[in-house]
Amino acid sequence: MTTPKYARVLLKVSGEALMGAGQFGIDIDTIDRIARDVKQAHDAGSEICLVVGGGNIFRGLAGSAKGIDRSTADYMGMLATVMNALAMQAGLERVGLESRVQSAIAMNNVCEPYIRRRAIRHMEKGRVVIFAAGTGNPFFTTDTAAALRAAEMNCDAMLKATQVDGVYSADPKKVPDAIRYDSLSYHQVLAQNLQVMDAAAISLSRENRIPILVFSLAEAGALTEVLAGRGRATIIEEK
């Protein structure tokens, strides 16, 4: 078995990715497919933690635009991420992978509170940890939460699962001749406003020298291939 290039990683999955072919909510087949990929990567030797977005249920910015107070809307979005995290946990358990959900907003009846040392210990014991409720603060995205947790967990890399196989100069679904990048620096992403993740997440990753790998989860086994250093992905790191 090939030793993975990255021993401990954080996987960021958007809430929209959990909808599958639907327009709203959680598609269980998609959850199970992602869970199988995570188990395969875990079995290959990587310690894995996840941050899941909530856009398939509620987006704070969208709610704010419709008149809900921004802080309230963001808290509603955080609650949506908890629902997704619990669904992801159930999917991981269905494929035989032990996991824990830790929430930045205390809700002890359904999941653990976020405790850094406990999360690290879970991973050392072979469990997957799913971080929910973002940073626990409004005005911060789940991308920023992912960068923060990756730094706190001493991850070797942060993986951003998207609908395309890397970073492009424009949306390749709308611009057929968009340029795909094999590698970028943090500065290039910010200077070119490439919209991979928000600026706070990119800056936090740069400060902690955590490479970001952007790839597509559409193909089975893609996560394991990327962790082995063979998969198709765009890597963002200091140059």
Foldseek 3Di string as FASTA:
>chain_A
DFQFPWAEEEEEEEQVQQQPPHQADGDLVSLLLVLLLVVVQLVSHHQYEYEYWQVRHADLVVVVVVPDDSFVSLQVRLVSSVVVLVSSQVSNVVVPAAEFEAECDDDPVRGHHDDLVVQLVCSVVSHYYYYTSQNVGTPDGNLLSRLVSCLSNVTQAYEYADAAAEFWLDPCVVPVPTHGAQEEELVCCVVSVRPPDDNNNSVSCQVSFHKYWYGHSPDRNQVNCVRRVRHRTYIYGHD
